[in-house]
Amino acid sequence: MTDLQKELSGNSYPGRGIVIGTSADGKYAVCAYFIMGRSVNSRNRVFVTDGTGIRTQAFDPSKMEDPSLIIYAPVRTYGFYTIVTNGDQTDTIYDGLSTGKTFEESLRSREFEPDAPNYTPRISGLMHVITGKYDYALSILKSDHGDPSNCQRFTYSYENPKAGEGYFIHTYMGDGNPLPSYEGEPTLVNIEGDIDTFTENVWNALNEDNKVSLFTRFINIATGEYETRIVNKNKD
C-alpha cells in the first residue's frame, strides 16, 4: 500500500485525481476529487455545490477564456450511485445509468479529451452504496501513448472494499510538455481519519502552486447519509 500523502506530495502535477475507498473504521464510503492547473484559465476555477453534487465555475468570469474542458459537473448522484469524473462524461454516465446502461457501457461513447498534444485521459469513478453494501469502480480512457487514433479503455471494479484502503487514479504521471498520461492500474492507498482530517491531509499534500480545488465526501454505508467538504484556493 502506498501512503496517499507521500504519493501526492511526490508529484508536482498529477493533474486531476480521484480517490475512492473506505474509511479506517469501515463505516464510510470515501471519495476525493481534486483539480490542478498550470494556465491562468485552468487556475481560475472554484468548486460550488450543485444539488447533491458539485460543478466548476470561473472564479473571475472576466478572465475565462475557453470553458469547453474546464467547466463541468464533476459530481452527480443517481439513485444509490455517486458519479465523480474529470469532465462532462459525468453527464454521459448519469444518462447511461438512467437508461439501464452500465458504467462501462455508458463510457463507450466517449474517449480522451481533444486537447492535443496532451490528449488528457478521462478518469471516472462510480460509487454504489445501498442497504449497508458498498462497491465501486474506476475507469480511464486514454490515448495510445500519445497516438490519438487509438483510445485505450480500462475499467476496474472493487467489491467488498477493505476498511482503510482506497484506490487513486489521476490524469498525468507528472509535469511535462506534452503532459505524460497516467500509466498502470489505480494505486492502492491508505484512507485515514474522519472527513476533516482526510480533506486536510489531501489538500496539504497537493503542490501549493498548482492546486486549485478539492472535493471530498463520506457516505455512511449503513444509512446512505453523507457529508461533503469543498476547498478552493481561490477565495473571495
Protein backbone atom coordinates (compact mmCIF):
# COMPACT_ATOMS: atom_id res chain seq x y z
CA MET A 1 0.00 0.00 0.00
CA THR A 2 1.22 3.49 -0.89
CA ASP A 3 0.90 6.39 1.53
CA LEU A 4 -1.57 8.77 -0.14
CA GLN A 5 0.05 11.93 1.20
CA LYS A 6 3.51 10.89 0.02
CA GLU A 7 2.11 9.88 -3.38
CA LEU A 8 0.53 13.32 -3.80
CA SER A 9 3.43 15.36 -2.43
CA GLY A 10 5.89 13.46 -4.62
CA ASN A 11 4.22 14.59 -7.85
CA SER A 12 4.16 18.31 -8.64
CA TYR A 13 1.49 17.88 -11.28
CA PRO A 14 -0.78 14.79 -11.13
CA GLY A 15 -3.39 16.95 -12.86
CA ARG A 16 -6.87 15.86 -11.85
CA GLY A 17 -7.29 12.94 -9.48
CA ILE A 18 -9.91 10.63 -8.00
CA VAL A 19 -9.54 8.65 -4.78
CA ILE A 20 -12.26 6.18 -3.78
CA GLY A 21 -12.16 3.80 -0.84
CA THR A 22 -13.41 3.03 2.67
CA SER A 23 -12.79 4.85 5.94
CA ALA A 24 -10.49 3.28 8.50
CA ASP A 25 -13.44 2.37 10.74
CA GLY A 26 -15.24 0.70 7.83
CA LYS A 27 -18.35 2.85 8.26
CA TYR A 28 -18.00 5.21 5.33
CA ALA A 29 -17.58 5.09 1.58
CA VAL A 30 -14.96 7.74 0.85
CA CYS A 31 -14.14 9.75 -2.25
CA ALA A 32 -11.99 12.72 -3.16
CA TYR A 33 -11.67 14.65 -6.41
CA PHE A 34 -9.11 17.39 -7.00
CA ILE A 35 -8.15 19.66 -9.86
CA MET A 36 -4.87 21.40 -10.56
CA GLY A 37 -3.84 23.93 -13.18
CA ARG A 38 -0.83 25.43 -14.90
CA SER A 39 -2.54 28.10 -17.03
CA VAL A 40 -4.43 31.18 -15.84
CA ASN A 41 -7.59 29.72 -17.38
CA SER A 42 -7.25 26.42 -15.51
CA ARG A 43 -6.42 28.10 -12.22
CA ASN A 44 -9.35 30.49 -12.49
CA ARG A 45 -11.85 27.97 -11.08
CA VAL A 46 -13.70 27.01 -7.94
CA PHE A 47 -15.95 24.12 -6.91
CA VAL A 48 -19.50 25.05 -5.89
CA THR A 49 -22.35 22.91 -4.61
CA ASP A 50 -24.97 21.97 -7.20
CA GLY A 51 -27.84 19.98 -5.69
CA THR A 52 -26.43 16.68 -4.41
CA GLY A 53 -23.27 17.17 -6.49
CA ILE A 54 -20.86 19.93 -7.44
CA ARG A 55 -19.85 21.91 -10.51
CA THR A 56 -16.89 24.02 -11.53
CA GLN A 57 -17.28 27.70 -12.25
CA ALA A 58 -15.00 30.62 -13.08
CA PHE A 59 -13.68 32.45 -10.04
CA ASP A 60 -13.27 35.61 -12.11
CA PRO A 61 -15.60 35.44 -15.15
CA SER A 62 -13.67 38.25 -16.87
CA LYS A 63 -10.59 36.01 -17.09
CA MET A 64 -12.40 32.98 -18.55
CA GLU A 65 -11.01 32.10 -21.98
CA ASP A 66 -12.23 28.67 -23.14
CA PRO A 67 -14.79 26.95 -20.88
CA SER A 68 -15.14 23.80 -23.01
CA LEU A 69 -12.94 21.44 -20.99
CA ILE A 70 -12.83 23.15 -17.62
CA ILE A 71 -16.47 23.98 -16.79
CA TYR A 72 -18.47 20.84 -15.97
CA ALA A 73 -20.17 18.91 -13.15
CA PRO A 74 -17.53 16.63 -11.58
CA VAL A 75 -20.01 15.03 -9.17
CA ARG A 76 -23.64 13.96 -9.65
CA THR A 77 -25.83 11.37 -7.96
CA TYR A 78 -28.32 8.98 -9.47
CA GLY A 79 -30.32 6.89 -7.06
CA PHE A 80 -27.83 4.95 -4.93
CA TYR A 81 -24.94 5.91 -7.22
CA THR A 82 -22.41 8.71 -6.84
CA ILE A 83 -20.61 9.66 -10.05
CA VAL A 84 -17.29 11.53 -10.00
CA THR A 85 -15.27 12.40 -13.11
CA ASN A 86 -12.86 14.93 -14.56
CA GLY A 87 -15.17 16.14 -17.34
CA ASP A 88 -18.61 16.24 -18.86
CA GLN A 89 -18.64 12.44 -19.04
CA THR A 90 -20.32 12.77 -15.63
CA ASP A 91 -23.46 13.56 -17.61
CA THR A 92 -22.80 10.68 -20.02
CA ILE A 93 -22.66 8.21 -17.13
CA TYR A 94 -25.74 9.73 -15.50
CA ASP A 95 -27.72 9.46 -18.73
CA GLY A 96 -26.48 5.91 -19.28
CA LEU A 97 -27.49 4.74 -15.81
CA SER A 98 -30.93 6.30 -16.30
CA THR A 99 -31.45 4.20 -19.44
CA GLY A 100 -30.19 0.92 -17.96
CA LYS A 101 -26.60 1.01 -19.19
CA THR A 102 -23.67 0.02 -17.02
CA PHE A 103 -20.82 2.33 -16.07
CA GLU A 104 -18.57 0.77 -18.70
CA GLU A 105 -21.25 0.76 -21.42
CA SER A 106 -22.01 4.43 -20.81
CA LEU A 107 -18.38 5.41 -21.37
CA ARG A 108 -18.13 3.52 -24.66
CA SER A 109 -19.36 6.67 -26.41
CA ARG A 110 -16.50 8.78 -25.00
CA GLU A 111 -12.74 8.94 -25.33
CA PHE A 112 -9.81 11.07 -24.07
CA GLU A 113 -10.05 14.84 -24.25
CA PRO A 114 -9.36 16.56 -27.62
CA ASP A 115 -6.61 18.77 -26.20
CA ALA A 116 -3.66 17.87 -28.44
CA PRO A 117 -0.83 17.22 -27.81
CA ASN A 118 -1.72 16.18 -24.24
CA TYR A 119 -4.85 14.12 -25.02
CA THR A 120 -5.76 14.27 -21.34
CA PRO A 121 -7.25 10.99 -20.12
CA ARG A 122 -10.87 10.95 -18.96
CA ILE A 123 -10.96 9.45 -15.48
CA SER A 124 -14.24 8.42 -13.85
CA GLY A 125 -15.46 6.77 -10.67
CA LEU A 126 -18.79 5.24 -9.65
CA MET A 127 -19.72 4.51 -6.03
CA HIS A 128 -22.69 2.26 -5.24
CA VAL A 129 -23.97 2.37 -1.66
CA ILE A 130 -27.24 0.57 -0.84
CA THR A 131 -28.69 -1.11 2.26
CA GLY A 132 -25.36 -1.49 4.00
CA LYS A 133 -23.47 -2.72 0.96
CA TYR A 134 -20.80 -0.84 -0.97
CA ASP A 135 -18.83 -1.36 -4.15
CA TYR A 136 -17.18 0.97 -6.62
CA ALA A 137 -15.47 1.18 -9.99
CA LEU A 138 -12.86 3.35 -11.68
CA SER A 139 -12.27 4.00 -15.38
CA ILE A 140 -9.66 5.66 -17.55
CA LEU A 141 -9.93 6.44 -21.27
CA LYS A 142 -6.56 7.39 -22.73
CA SER A 143 -4.69 7.73 -26.00
CA ASP A 144 -2.29 5.03 -27.12
CA HIS A 145 0.88 6.63 -25.71
CA GLY A 146 0.03 9.93 -27.39
CA ASP A 147 -1.41 8.40 -30.58
CA PRO A 148 -4.97 9.77 -30.87
CA SER A 149 -6.01 7.18 -33.46
CA ASN A 150 -6.47 4.58 -30.72
CA CYS A 151 -8.42 5.01 -27.47
CA GLN A 152 -7.44 2.61 -24.71
CA ARG A 153 -10.25 1.81 -22.24
CA PHE A 154 -9.72 0.36 -18.77
CA THR A 155 -12.33 -0.31 -16.08
CA TYR A 156 -11.53 -1.52 -12.56
CA SER A 157 -14.23 -2.86 -10.24
CA TYR A 158 -13.86 -3.23 -6.49
CA GLU A 159 -16.26 -5.44 -4.49
CA ASN A 160 -16.31 -5.64 -0.67
CA PRO A 161 -13.60 -2.97 -0.32
CA LYS A 162 -11.47 -3.20 2.82
CA ALA A 163 -11.55 -0.65 5.62
CA GLY A 164 -8.77 1.92 5.48
CA GLU A 165 -7.98 1.22 1.83
CA GLY A 166 -8.70 3.03 -1.41
CA TYR A 167 -7.54 3.40 -4.99
CA PHE A 168 -6.14 6.53 -6.61
CA ILE A 169 -6.12 7.37 -10.30
CA HIS A 170 -5.09 10.64 -11.94
CA THR A 171 -4.52 12.16 -15.35
CA TYR A 172 -0.77 12.75 -15.55
CA MET A 173 2.36 10.97 -14.37
CA GLY A 174 3.93 14.37 -13.74
CA ASP A 175 4.68 17.72 -15.32
CA GLY A 176 5.92 17.97 -18.91
CA ASN A 177 5.23 19.14 -22.44
CA PRO A 178 3.28 17.29 -23.60
CA LEU A 179 1.92 16.05 -20.29
CA PRO A 180 2.54 12.30 -19.83
CA SER A 181 -0.70 10.34 -19.39
CA TYR A 182 -1.29 8.16 -16.34
CA GLU A 183 0.12 4.64 -16.64
CA GLY A 184 -0.72 1.36 -14.91
CA GLU A 185 -3.54 0.31 -12.63
CA PRO A 186 -5.02 2.59 -9.96
CA THR A 187 -2.69 2.92 -6.97
CA LEU A 188 -3.63 1.23 -3.70
CA VAL A 189 -3.53 3.94 -1.00
CA ASN A 190 -4.41 4.32 2.68
CA ILE A 191 -7.54 6.16 3.86
CA GLU A 192 -7.08 7.77 7.28
CA GLY A 193 -9.11 9.87 9.71
CA ASP A 194 -12.54 11.45 9.63
CA ILE A 195 -13.68 13.63 6.73
CA ASP A 196 -11.96 16.76 8.04
CA THR A 197 -8.64 15.02 8.65
CA PHE A 198 -8.79 13.25 5.29
CA THR A 199 -9.62 16.52 3.49
CA GLU A 200 -6.83 18.42 5.22
CA ASN A 201 -4.27 15.69 4.51
CA VAL A 202 -5.09 15.57 0.79
CA TRP A 203 -5.21 19.34 0.35
CA ASN A 204 -1.94 19.95 2.20
CA ALA A 205 -0.15 17.25 0.18
CA LEU A 206 -1.03 18.81 -3.19
CA ASN A 207 1.53 21.11 -4.82
CA GLU A 208 0.94 24.61 -3.49
CA ASP A 209 1.48 26.37 -6.83
CA ASN A 210 -0.67 24.08 -8.94
CA LYS A 211 -3.59 23.00 -6.73
CA VAL A 212 -6.94 24.64 -7.45
CA SER A 213 -9.86 22.84 -5.75
CA LEU A 214 -10.71 19.73 -3.74
CA PHE A 215 -13.98 17.88 -3.10
CA THR A 216 -14.38 15.11 -0.52
CA ARG A 217 -17.39 13.07 0.56
CA PHE A 218 -18.00 10.46 3.26
CA ILE A 219 -21.14 8.35 2.72
CA ASN A 220 -22.49 6.34 5.65
CA ILE A 221 -22.69 2.81 4.25
CA ALA A 222 -25.48 1.81 6.64
CA THR A 223 -27.77 4.82 6.09
CA GLY A 224 -26.68 6.47 2.82
CA GLU A 225 -26.36 9.85 4.54
CA TYR A 226 -23.31 11.84 3.52
CA GLU A 227 -21.06 14.74 4.43
CA THR A 228 -19.18 16.86 1.89
CA ARG A 229 -16.24 19.23 2.06
CA ILE A 230 -15.07 21.69 -0.61
CA VAL A 231 -11.74 23.52 -0.50
CA ASN A 232 -10.91 26.22 -3.06
CA LYS A 233 -7.58 28.01 -3.39
CA ASN A 234 -9.39 30.99 -4.90
CA LYS A 235 -11.40 32.77 -2.23
CA ASP A 236 -13.47 35.94 -2.21
